[in-house]
């Protein structure tokens, strides 16, 4: 039996006791009715207090649950931001840009850049610092970019990168690169999480092809 049903019955007992009091005669009968009335009133008061207490506890529980949910959402957002920033791969290397200013690029990007010939290679000169993007990072160069994610560190160059960016880059349908560019006869290919881009044809007549899984 819940508290509200108990309260309703207690009030009914009070009303019944009042009716009996008006109809009965004799001191002993009146005393019994008075006691019954007081008992019923006390029971009703106790039931109402219990109901009010239960309502207050429910409100406090709801408020606590809302606070916990808000804290969890804030924590998740903070964790996502930290994860994106940590994708800059730990240590950085200071490099000098064409305008004489300096920029910090990730060690992973710096190592791959040097392996690909540095400023005299296909990537050309560094154009800016390593920046977080999606769940990884990107380092811009005059001839392409180097992307770092949980899949590794790979470069995407020239027209392949142009098409890649036109399709949303690492936050688009293709996702992050998962391998270095492949050079085949009359074809270049870049492979990504969710597909590939090929650049096929002959000199002056190349055709891009975007394949998604």
Protein backbone atom coordinates (compact mmCIF):
# COMPACT_ATOMS: atom_id res chain seq x y z
CA UNK A 1 0.00 0.00 0.00
CA UNK A 2 1.59 3.34 -0.99
CA UNK A 3 1.73 6.40 1.23
CA UNK A 4 -0.89 8.35 -0.71
CA UNK A 5 -3.45 5.51 -0.40
CA UNK A 6 -2.69 5.32 3.32
CA UNK A 7 -3.26 9.07 3.67
CA UNK A 8 -6.60 8.90 1.87
CA UNK A 9 -7.76 6.08 4.15
CA UNK A 10 -6.60 7.97 7.24
CA UNK A 11 -8.63 11.02 6.24
CA UNK A 12 -11.63 8.76 5.63
CA UNK A 13 -11.22 7.39 9.14
CA UNK A 14 -11.19 10.94 10.52
CA UNK A 15 -14.43 11.73 8.69
CA UNK A 16 -16.07 8.51 9.88
CA UNK A 17 -15.03 9.21 13.44
CA UNK A 18 -16.58 12.67 13.23
CA UNK A 19 -19.88 11.24 12.02
CA UNK A 20 -19.91 8.72 14.88
CA UNK A 21 -19.16 11.49 17.36
CA UNK A 22 -22.21 13.45 16.31
CA UNK A 23 -24.47 10.39 16.58
CA UNK A 24 -23.15 8.74 19.77
CA UNK A 25 -23.98 9.53 23.42
CA UNK A 26 -22.27 8.82 26.72
CA UNK A 27 -18.85 9.88 27.96
CA UNK A 28 -17.09 6.55 27.35
CA UNK A 29 -18.34 6.40 23.78
CA UNK A 30 -17.29 10.01 23.18
CA UNK A 31 -13.84 9.32 24.65
CA UNK A 32 -13.41 6.30 22.37
CA UNK A 33 -14.48 8.32 19.37
CA UNK A 34 -12.11 11.14 20.35
CA UNK A 35 -9.22 8.70 20.65
CA UNK A 36 -10.09 7.15 17.29
CA UNK A 37 -10.28 10.58 15.72
CA UNK A 38 -6.91 11.66 17.17
CA UNK A 39 -5.31 8.37 16.09
CA UNK A 40 -6.64 8.71 12.58
CA UNK A 41 -5.47 12.34 12.41
CA UNK A 42 -2.01 11.35 13.62
CA UNK A 43 -1.88 8.58 11.02
CA UNK A 44 -2.93 10.99 8.29
CA UNK A 45 -0.30 13.53 9.38
CA UNK A 46 2.40 10.85 9.39
CA UNK A 47 1.37 9.65 5.95
CA UNK A 48 1.46 13.18 4.54
CA UNK A 49 4.91 13.81 6.03
CA UNK A 50 6.15 10.54 4.50
CA UNK A 51 4.69 11.50 1.11
CA UNK A 52 6.33 14.94 1.27
CA UNK A 53 9.66 13.36 2.25
CA UNK A 54 9.44 10.90 -0.64
CA UNK A 55 8.69 13.71 -3.09
CA UNK A 56 11.65 15.73 -1.79
CA UNK A 57 13.97 12.73 -2.11
CA UNK A 58 12.76 12.13 -5.67
CA UNK A 59 13.49 15.75 -6.60
CA UNK A 60 16.97 15.55 -5.08
CA UNK A 61 17.68 12.28 -6.93
CA UNK A 62 16.55 13.81 -10.24
CA UNK A 63 18.73 16.88 -9.67
CA UNK A 64 21.74 14.69 -8.82
CA UNK A 65 21.19 12.56 -11.94
CA UNK A 66 21.01 15.69 -14.12
CA UNK A 67 24.24 17.01 -12.59
CA UNK A 68 26.02 13.69 -13.16
CA UNK A 69 24.86 13.62 -16.80
CA UNK A 70 26.11 17.17 -17.39
CA UNK A 71 29.47 16.34 -15.79
CA UNK A 72 29.79 13.20 -17.94
CA UNK A 73 29.04 15.17 -21.12
CA UNK A 74 31.60 17.84 -20.20
CA UNK A 75 34.20 15.17 -19.41
CA UNK A 76 33.58 13.45 -22.75
CA UNK A 77 33.96 16.72 -24.65
CA UNK A 78 37.17 17.52 -22.79
CA UNK A 79 38.55 14.05 -23.48
CA UNK A 80 37.81 14.38 -27.20
CA UNK A 81 39.60 17.72 -27.34
CA UNK A 82 42.63 16.34 -25.51
CA UNK A 83 42.72 13.30 -27.78
CA UNK A 84 42.71 15.49 -30.87
CA UNK A 85 45.53 17.64 -29.53
CA UNK A 86 47.58 14.62 -28.46
CA UNK A 87 47.49 13.45 -32.09
CA UNK A 88 50.24 16.02 -32.77
CA UNK A 89 52.47 13.09 -31.81
CA UNK A 90 54.23 14.24 -28.69
CA UNK A 91 57.50 16.10 -29.33
CA UNK A 92 57.72 18.81 -31.95
CA UNK A 93 60.48 20.25 -34.08
CA UNK A 94 60.85 23.97 -34.78
CA UNK A 95 61.24 24.74 -38.48
CA UNK A 96 61.72 27.99 -40.37
CA UNK A 97 59.05 28.98 -42.88
CA UNK A 98 59.57 30.83 -46.15
CA UNK A 99 58.68 34.17 -44.55
CA UNK A 100 61.32 33.71 -41.86
CA UNK A 101 58.91 32.84 -39.04
CA UNK A 102 59.05 29.53 -37.21
CA UNK A 103 56.47 26.76 -36.77
CA UNK A 104 56.33 23.63 -34.63
CA UNK A 105 55.73 20.43 -36.57
CA UNK A 106 55.38 16.99 -35.04
CA UNK A 107 58.39 14.72 -34.82
CA UNK A 108 56.52 12.06 -36.81
CA UNK A 109 55.82 14.52 -39.64
CA UNK A 110 59.39 15.84 -39.53
CA UNK A 111 60.87 12.34 -39.84
CA UNK A 112 58.65 11.38 -42.80
CA UNK A 113 59.35 14.74 -44.42
CA UNK A 114 63.12 14.17 -44.26
CA UNK A 115 62.70 10.60 -45.56
CA UNK A 116 60.92 12.04 -48.58
CA UNK A 117 63.71 14.49 -49.42
CA UNK A 118 62.80 17.45 -47.21
CA UNK A 119 62.46 20.79 -48.97
CA UNK A 120 63.90 19.39 -52.21
CA UNK A 121 61.45 16.45 -52.26
CA UNK A 122 57.91 16.21 -53.60
CA UNK A 123 56.40 17.80 -50.48
CA UNK A 124 58.35 21.03 -50.92
CA UNK A 125 58.64 23.57 -48.11
CA UNK A 126 56.83 23.60 -44.77
CA UNK A 127 53.90 26.03 -44.84
CA UNK A 128 52.67 25.91 -41.25
CA UNK A 129 52.62 24.09 -37.92
CA UNK A 130 51.13 20.69 -37.22
CA UNK A 131 47.46 21.14 -36.34
CA UNK A 132 44.87 18.73 -34.88
CA UNK A 133 42.18 17.51 -37.26
CA UNK A 134 39.55 14.90 -36.43
CA UNK A 135 41.24 12.16 -34.40
CA UNK A 136 44.70 12.99 -35.75
CA UNK A 137 46.79 15.83 -37.10
CA UNK A 138 47.91 17.45 -40.35
CA UNK A 139 51.12 19.26 -41.32
CA UNK A 140 50.90 21.43 -44.47
CA UNK A 141 53.60 21.66 -47.16
CA UNK A 142 53.75 23.45 -50.49
CA UNK A 143 53.37 20.15 -52.37
CA UNK A 144 50.94 18.30 -50.11
CA UNK A 145 50.37 17.40 -46.47
CA UNK A 146 51.43 14.82 -43.90
CA UNK A 147 48.63 13.22 -41.87
CA UNK A 148 49.10 11.41 -38.57
CA UNK A 149 46.48 9.20 -36.93
CA UNK A 150 46.19 5.84 -35.18
CA UNK A 151 46.83 4.31 -38.63
CA UNK A 152 50.29 5.90 -38.84
CA UNK A 153 51.93 8.88 -40.56
CA UNK A 154 51.53 9.26 -44.33
CA UNK A 155 51.76 11.97 -46.96
CA UNK A 156 49.20 12.87 -49.62
CA UNK A 157 50.56 15.02 -52.43
CA UNK A 158 49.67 17.14 -55.42
CA UNK A 159 46.37 16.54 -57.20
CA UNK A 160 45.63 13.51 -55.06
CA UNK A 161 45.56 15.76 -52.00
CA UNK A 162 43.50 18.38 -53.83
CA UNK A 163 40.85 15.76 -54.61
CA UNK A 164 41.16 14.39 -51.06
CA UNK A 165 40.44 17.83 -49.60
CA UNK A 166 37.57 18.39 -52.02
CA UNK A 167 36.06 15.20 -50.56
CA UNK A 168 36.35 16.36 -46.96
CA UNK A 169 39.92 15.31 -46.12
CA UNK A 170 40.37 13.18 -43.00
CA UNK A 171 36.98 14.20 -41.59
CA UNK A 172 35.18 13.27 -44.83
CA UNK A 173 33.97 9.92 -46.13
CA UNK A 174 37.47 8.65 -46.95
CA UNK A 175 38.96 9.15 -43.46
CA UNK A 176 42.72 9.19 -42.78
CA UNK A 177 45.35 7.73 -45.12
CA UNK A 178 46.47 4.22 -44.13
CA UNK A 179 49.38 3.83 -46.56
CA UNK A 180 51.82 5.87 -48.59
CA UNK A 181 51.03 6.81 -52.18
CA UNK A 182 51.52 4.06 -54.74
CA UNK A 183 53.00 4.86 -58.16
CA UNK A 184 51.98 2.58 -61.04
CA UNK A 185 52.31 2.99 -64.81
CA UNK A 186 50.11 5.96 -65.71
CA UNK A 187 48.54 5.90 -62.26
CA UNK A 188 49.01 7.24 -58.75
CA UNK A 189 46.94 5.95 -55.88
CA UNK A 190 46.36 7.02 -52.27
CA UNK A 191 44.63 4.57 -49.90
CA UNK A 192 42.44 5.65 -46.99
CA UNK A 193 40.40 4.13 -44.14
CA UNK A 194 37.28 3.98 -46.25
CA UNK A 195 38.45 3.92 -49.84
CA UNK A 196 41.03 5.21 -52.30
CA UNK A 197 41.76 7.94 -54.83
CA UNK A 198 43.42 7.17 -58.15
CA UNK A 199 44.85 9.63 -60.65
CA UNK A 200 44.93 7.80 -63.98
CA UNK A 201 45.77 8.74 -67.56
CA UNK A 202 48.53 10.16 -69.68
CA UNK A 203 50.35 13.46 -69.56
CA UNK A 204 47.84 16.29 -69.71
CA UNK A 205 44.87 13.93 -69.60
CA UNK A 206 44.64 12.55 -66.08
CA UNK A 207 41.29 11.55 -64.61
CA UNK A 208 40.58 11.34 -60.84
CA UNK A 209 38.58 8.45 -59.45
CA UNK A 210 37.29 8.40 -55.86
CA UNK A 211 36.36 4.96 -54.50
CA UNK A 212 34.63 4.61 -51.14
CA UNK A 213 33.95 1.37 -49.28
